[in-house]
Amino acid sequence: MMDFLKRVTEWMLEREAELAKKCAIDIADVEKQIAKVEEKKAALEKECRENQAELEKILTRLKWIKAEELKCRTEENSRKGV
């Protein structure tokens, strides 16, 4: 589905580029499209930052868990004389 949407978007952009070369495009429409894309881009960047921050928290916790397990193994081996 995304591939289809990409192709349709590409086709529309090519069509609008052709119209722009012929001075047959409404600049207000293009400005609205730019604003929408910039808004969507900002929202996606925010979502990406939030997701990365959440993944970083999870990664930190997992590394702490691993360190605790390794500490337990080291202590256990010390008690066993290994």
Protein backbone atom coordinates (compact mmCIF):
# COMPACT_ATOMS: atom_id res chain seq x y z
CA MET A 1 0.00 0.00 0.00
CA MET A 2 2.80 2.41 0.88
CA ASP A 3 4.52 1.70 -2.41
CA PHE A 4 1.31 2.62 -4.23
CA LEU A 5 1.01 5.87 -2.27
CA LYS A 6 4.63 6.72 -3.02
CA ARG A 7 4.07 6.17 -6.73
CA VAL A 8 0.89 8.28 -6.71
CA THR A 9 2.67 11.05 -4.80
CA GLU A 10 5.61 10.95 -7.21
CA TRP A 11 3.24 11.12 -10.18
CA MET A 12 1.41 14.11 -8.64
CA LEU A 13 4.68 15.92 -7.96
CA GLU A 14 5.84 15.34 -11.53
CA ARG A 15 2.53 16.64 -12.83
CA GLU A 16 2.74 19.75 -10.64
CA ALA A 17 6.36 20.32 -11.70
CA GLU A 18 5.25 20.27 -15.34
CA LEU A 19 2.49 22.76 -14.58
CA ALA A 20 4.94 24.99 -12.70
CA LYS A 21 7.24 25.07 -15.75
CA LYS A 22 4.25 26.27 -17.78
CA CYS A 23 3.35 28.86 -15.11
CA ALA A 24 0.01 27.10 -14.75
CA ILE A 25 -0.03 26.28 -11.07
CA ASP A 26 -1.70 27.98 -8.12
CA ILE A 27 1.06 29.06 -5.75
CA ALA A 28 -1.39 29.14 -2.83
CA ASP A 29 -2.06 25.42 -3.29
CA VAL A 30 1.65 24.67 -3.33
CA GLU A 31 2.15 26.76 -0.18
CA LYS A 32 -0.65 24.80 1.54
CA GLN A 33 0.99 21.54 0.51
CA ILE A 34 4.35 22.73 1.81
CA ALA A 35 2.79 23.69 5.14
CA LYS A 36 1.09 20.28 5.46
CA VAL A 37 4.29 18.40 4.65
CA GLU A 38 6.32 20.52 7.09
CA GLU A 39 3.70 19.90 9.79
CA LYS A 40 3.74 16.15 9.12
CA LYS A 41 7.55 16.13 9.11
CA ALA A 42 7.68 17.90 12.48
CA ALA A 43 5.16 15.46 13.96
CA LEU A 44 7.14 12.48 12.70
CA GLU A 45 10.39 13.92 14.05
CA LYS A 46 8.76 14.43 17.46
CA GLU A 47 7.37 10.90 17.44
CA CYS A 48 10.77 9.53 16.44
CA ARG A 49 12.51 11.40 19.28
CA GLU A 50 9.94 10.11 21.78
CA ASN A 51 10.32 6.54 20.52
CA GLN A 52 14.11 6.79 20.67
CA ALA A 53 13.95 8.10 24.24
CA GLU A 54 11.68 5.23 25.26
CA LEU A 55 13.97 2.69 23.62
CA GLU A 56 16.96 4.24 25.37
CA LYS A 57 15.20 3.82 28.75
CA ILE A 58 14.46 0.18 27.96
CA LEU A 59 18.01 -0.42 26.80
CA THR A 60 19.42 1.15 29.97
CA ARG A 61 17.21 -1.03 32.15
CA LEU A 62 18.17 -4.18 30.24
CA LYS A 63 21.86 -3.38 30.58
CA TRP A 64 21.37 -2.85 34.32
CA ILE A 65 19.60 -6.22 34.58
CA LYS A 66 22.45 -7.87 32.71
CA ALA A 67 25.01 -6.24 35.00
CA GLU A 68 23.11 -7.45 38.06
CA GLU A 69 23.04 -11.00 36.71
CA LEU A 70 26.77 -10.90 35.96
CA LYS A 71 27.40 -9.59 39.48
CA CYS A 72 25.41 -12.51 40.92
CA ARG A 73 27.40 -15.00 38.84
CA THR A 74 30.68 -13.46 39.97
CA GLU A 75 29.63 -13.62 43.62
CA GLU A 76 28.38 -17.17 43.21
CA ASN A 77 31.63 -18.27 41.59
CA SER A 78 33.61 -16.60 44.36
CA ARG A 79 31.66 -18.55 46.99
CA LYS A 80 32.28 -21.78 45.10
CA GLY A 81 35.95 -21.03 44.82
CA VAL A 82 35.91 -20.95 41.02
